[in-house]
C-alpha atoms as a PDB file:
ATOM      1  CA  MET A   1       5.428  89.562  36.964  1.00  0.00           C
ATOM      2  CA  PRO A   2       6.833  86.058  37.555  1.00  0.00           C
ATOM      3  CA  PRO A   3       9.559  85.680  40.187  1.00  0.00           C
ATOM      4  CA  ASP A   4      12.354  85.571  37.599  1.00  0.00           C
ATOM      5  CA  GLY A   5      10.583  87.953  35.206  1.00  0.00           C
ATOM      6  CA  ARG A   6       9.935  85.246  32.641  1.00  0.00           C
ATOM      7  CA  PHE A   7       6.819  85.004  30.593  1.00  0.00           C
ATOM      8  CA  VAL A   8       6.232  81.897  28.495  1.00  0.00           C
ATOM      9  CA  LEU A   9       4.177  82.498  25.377  1.00  0.00           C
ATOM     10  CA  ASP A  10       1.579  80.084  24.108  1.00  0.00           C
ATOM     11  CA  ALA A  11       0.933  79.965  20.375  1.00  0.00           C
ATOM     12  CA  SER A  12      -2.490  81.525  20.952  1.00  0.00           C
ATOM     13  CA  ALA A  13      -0.927  84.625  22.518  1.00  0.00           C
ATOM     14  CA  VAL A  14       1.506  85.105  19.623  1.00  0.00           C
ATOM     15  CA  LEU A  15      -1.254  84.539  17.081  1.00  0.00           C
ATOM     16  CA  ALA A  16      -3.403  87.153  18.842  1.00  0.00           C
ATOM     17  CA  LEU A  17      -0.494  89.565  18.478  1.00  0.00           C
ATOM     18  CA  LEU A  18       0.125  88.756  14.823  1.00  0.00           C
ATOM     19  CA  GLN A  19      -3.558  89.018  13.937  1.00  0.00           C
ATOM     20  CA  GLY A  20      -4.256  92.159  15.971  1.00  0.00           C
ATOM     21  CA  GLU A  21      -6.837  90.376  18.111  1.00  0.00           C
ATOM     22  CA  PRO A  22      -7.977  91.398  21.595  1.00  0.00           C
ATOM     23  CA  GLY A  23      -5.105  91.021  24.045  1.00  0.00           C
ATOM     24  CA  ALA A  24      -2.445  91.758  21.410  1.00  0.00           C
ATOM     25  CA  GLU A  25      -1.312  94.902  23.224  1.00  0.00           C
ATOM     26  CA  ARG A  26      -0.722  92.908  26.415  1.00  0.00           C
ATOM     27  CA  VAL A  27       1.500  90.449  24.544  1.00  0.00           C
ATOM     28  CA  GLU A  28       3.405  93.222  22.814  1.00  0.00           C
ATOM     29  CA  LYS A  29       4.362  94.742  26.180  1.00  0.00           C
ATOM     30  CA  ILE A  30       5.997  91.535  27.437  1.00  0.00           C
ATOM     31  CA  LEU A  31       7.745  90.195  24.326  1.00  0.00           C
ATOM     32  CA  ASP A  32      11.237  91.310  25.318  1.00  0.00           C
ATOM     33  CA  GLY A  33      12.630  88.548  27.525  1.00  0.00           C
ATOM     34  CA  SER A  34       9.748  86.123  26.982  1.00  0.00           C
ATOM     35  CA  LEU A  35      10.284  82.474  26.162  1.00  0.00           C
ATOM     36  CA  MET A  36       8.511  80.126  23.810  1.00  0.00           C
ATOM     37  CA  SER A  37       8.751  76.400  23.331  1.00  0.00           C
ATOM     38  CA  CYS A  38       9.687  75.322  19.822  1.00  0.00           C
ATOM     39  CA  VAL A  39       6.528  73.196  19.956  1.00  0.00           C
ATOM     40  CA  ASN A  40       4.488  76.396  20.228  1.00  0.00           C
ATOM     41  CA  LEU A  41       6.561  78.107  17.554  1.00  0.00           C
ATOM     42  CA  SER A  42       5.674  75.220  15.254  1.00  0.00           C
ATOM     43  CA  GLU A  43       1.988  75.851  15.981  1.00  0.00           C
ATOM     44  CA  VAL A  44       2.351  79.535  15.093  1.00  0.00           C
ATOM     45  CA  LEU A  45       4.160  78.741  11.851  1.00  0.00           C
ATOM     46  CA  GLN A  46       1.576  76.131  10.895  1.00  0.00           C
ATOM     47  CA  LYS A  47      -1.367  78.448  11.605  1.00  0.00           C
ATOM     48  CA  ALA A  48       0.256  81.252   9.607  1.00  0.00           C
ATOM     49  CA  GLU A  49       0.700  78.934   6.614  1.00  0.00           C
ATOM     50  CA  GLN A  50      -2.852  77.632   7.056  1.00  0.00           C
ATOM     51  CA  HIS A  51      -4.129  81.203   6.659  1.00  0.00           C
ATOM     52  CA  ASP A  52      -1.881  81.915   3.663  1.00  0.00           C
ATOM     53  CA  VAL A  53       0.419  84.194   5.649  1.00  0.00           C
ATOM     54  CA  ASP A  54       4.056  84.032   4.645  1.00  0.00           C
ATOM     55  CA  ALA A  55       5.790  82.746   7.781  1.00  0.00           C
ATOM     56  CA  GLU A  56       9.280  82.764   6.266  1.00  0.00           C
ATOM     57  CA  GLY A  57      11.603  84.289   8.853  1.00  0.00           C
ATOM     58  CA  LEU A  58       8.884  84.790  11.468  1.00  0.00           C
ATOM     59  CA  GLU A  59      11.065  83.165  14.130  1.00  0.00           C
ATOM     60  CA  TYR A  60      13.779  85.740  13.416  1.00  0.00           C
ATOM     61  CA  ASP A  61      11.272  88.576  13.697  1.00  0.00           C
ATOM     62  CA  LEU A  62      10.148  87.248  17.083  1.00  0.00           C
ATOM     63  CA  GLU A  63      13.767  86.880  18.212  1.00  0.00           C
ATOM     64  CA  ALA A  64      14.430  90.486  17.174  1.00  0.00           C
ATOM     65  CA  LEU A  65      11.559  91.494  19.467  1.00  0.00           C
ATOM     66  CA  GLY A  66      13.251  89.680  22.367  1.00  0.00           C
ATOM     67  CA  VAL A  67      11.542  86.281  22.341  1.00  0.00           C
ATOM     68  CA  GLY A  68      13.792  83.336  23.197  1.00  0.00           C
ATOM     69  CA  PHE A  69      13.079  79.830  21.968  1.00  0.00           C
ATOM     70  CA  ARG A  70      13.579  76.667  23.973  1.00  0.00           C
ATOM     71  CA  SER A  71      14.150  73.325  22.325  1.00  0.00           C
ATOM     72  CA  PHE A  72      11.963  70.370  23.259  1.00  0.00           C
ATOM     73  CA  ASP A  73      14.013  67.520  24.693  1.00  0.00           C
ATOM     74  CA  VAL A  74      13.390  64.267  26.545  1.00  0.00           C
ATOM     75  CA  PRO A  75      12.799  65.839  29.987  1.00  0.00           C
ATOM     76  CA  ASP A  76      10.368  68.274  28.340  1.00  0.00           C
ATOM     77  CA  ALA A  77       8.604  65.369  26.670  1.00  0.00           C
ATOM     78  CA  ARG A  78       8.206  63.597  30.003  1.00  0.00           C
ATOM     79  CA  SER A  79       6.971  66.719  31.803  1.00  0.00           C
ATOM     80  CA  THR A  80       4.528  67.463  28.990  1.00  0.00           C
ATOM     81  CA  ALA A  81       3.214  63.894  28.970  1.00  0.00           C
ATOM     82  CA  GLU A  82       2.721  63.982  32.735  1.00  0.00           C
ATOM     83  CA  ARG A  83       0.426  67.007  32.298  1.00  0.00           C
ATOM     84  CA  TRP A  84      -2.030  64.913  30.316  1.00  0.00           C
ATOM     85  CA  SER A  85      -5.150  63.892  32.149  1.00  0.00           C
ATOM     86  CA  ALA A  86      -8.464  62.792  30.813  1.00  0.00           C
ATOM     87  CA  GLY A  87     -10.999  65.559  30.526  1.00  0.00           C
ATOM     88  CA  THR A  88      -8.727  68.625  30.554  1.00  0.00           C
ATOM     89  CA  GLY A  89      -8.736  68.940  26.772  1.00  0.00           C
ATOM     90  CA  LEU A  90      -5.212  70.344  26.790  1.00  0.00           C
ATOM     91  CA  SER A  91      -3.348  69.798  23.540  1.00  0.00           C
ATOM     92  CA  LEU A  92       0.292  68.823  23.226  1.00  0.00           C
ATOM     93  CA  GLY A  93       1.155  72.475  22.579  1.00  0.00           C
ATOM     94  CA  ASP A  94      -0.832  73.634  25.607  1.00  0.00           C
ATOM     95  CA  ARG A  95       0.952  71.144  27.833  1.00  0.00           C
ATOM     96  CA  ALA A  96       4.378  72.002  26.382  1.00  0.00           C
ATOM     97  CA  CYS A  97       3.829  75.680  27.186  1.00  0.00           C
ATOM     98  CA  LEU A  98       2.707  74.902  30.732  1.00  0.00           C
ATOM     99  CA  ALA A  99       5.623  72.523  31.289  1.00  0.00           C
ATOM    100  CA  LEU A 100       8.111  75.175  30.164  1.00  0.00           C
ATOM    101  CA  ALA A 101       6.497  77.818  32.375  1.00  0.00           C
ATOM    102  CA  ARG A 102       6.744  75.510  35.360  1.00  0.00           C
ATOM    103  CA  SER A 103      10.355  74.561  34.631  1.00  0.00           C
ATOM    104  CA  VAL A 104      11.498  78.203  34.506  1.00  0.00           C
ATOM    105  CA  GLY A 105       9.240  79.403  37.312  1.00  0.00           C
ATOM    106  CA  GLY A 106       7.497  81.710  34.888  1.00  0.00           C
ATOM    107  CA  THR A 107       3.979  82.663  33.902  1.00  0.00           C
ATOM    108  CA  ALA A 108       2.248  81.075  30.917  1.00  0.00           C
ATOM    109  CA  ILE A 109       0.604  83.670  28.673  1.00  0.00           C
ATOM    110  CA  THR A 110      -2.360  82.376  26.679  1.00  0.00           C
ATOM    111  CA  THR A 111      -5.832  83.182  25.397  1.00  0.00           C
ATOM    112  CA  GLU A 112      -7.137  80.026  27.096  1.00  0.00           C
ATOM    113  CA  ARG A 113      -8.897  80.848  30.391  1.00  0.00           C
ATOM    114  CA  ARG A 114      -9.437  77.150  31.149  1.00  0.00           C
ATOM    115  CA  TRP A 115      -5.704  76.714  31.754  1.00  0.00           C
ATOM    116  CA  VAL A 116      -6.047  78.356  35.168  1.00  0.00           C
ATOM    117  CA  ALA A 117      -8.137  75.452  36.468  1.00  0.00           C
ATOM    118  CA  ALA A 118      -6.310  72.796  34.446  1.00  0.00           C
ATOM    119  CA  ALA A 119      -2.845  73.755  35.731  1.00  0.00           C
ATOM    120  CA  PRO A 120      -3.079  74.884  39.360  1.00  0.00           C
ATOM    121  CA  ASP A 121       0.681  74.409  39.835  1.00  0.00           C
ATOM    122  CA  VAL A 122       1.607  76.985  37.159  1.00  0.00           C
ATOM    123  CA  ALA A 123       1.054  80.731  37.063  1.00  0.00           C
ATOM    124  CA  VAL A 124      -1.206  81.453  34.083  1.00  0.00           C
ATOM    125  CA  THR A 125      -2.373  84.758  32.640  1.00  0.00           C
ATOM    126  CA  ALA A 126      -5.157  84.763  30.064  1.00  0.00           C
ATOM    127  CA  ILE A 127      -4.818  87.868  27.883  1.00  0.00           C
ATOM    128  CA  ARG A 128      -8.549  88.140  27.213  1.00  0.00           C
END
């Protein structure tokens, strides 16, 4: 568990939960008290719509399960931009999740194993 008990959810982790994919049970256990960047929430909502899943109210469902959302402001934008480096292949959403995890001293929860090498300054747990 991170020092302050905070887990920061990547869109991929929430989508694994919603779609019942491998690792879903690990995400379910840590929802209460987890954080998520609104950038990553946007990814989840977009992917749900892309797959013809009604995403109306999904953010409220996640909040009811204990997930907190963090807005994306100018310092977040700077921190996220600074995480860009050629060759890592990390998307804006990936970098926003990692930046939030670092700022709260938490652990980023993702399905992306490559994050461990791409972000050595952040605790990362890949759920599968």
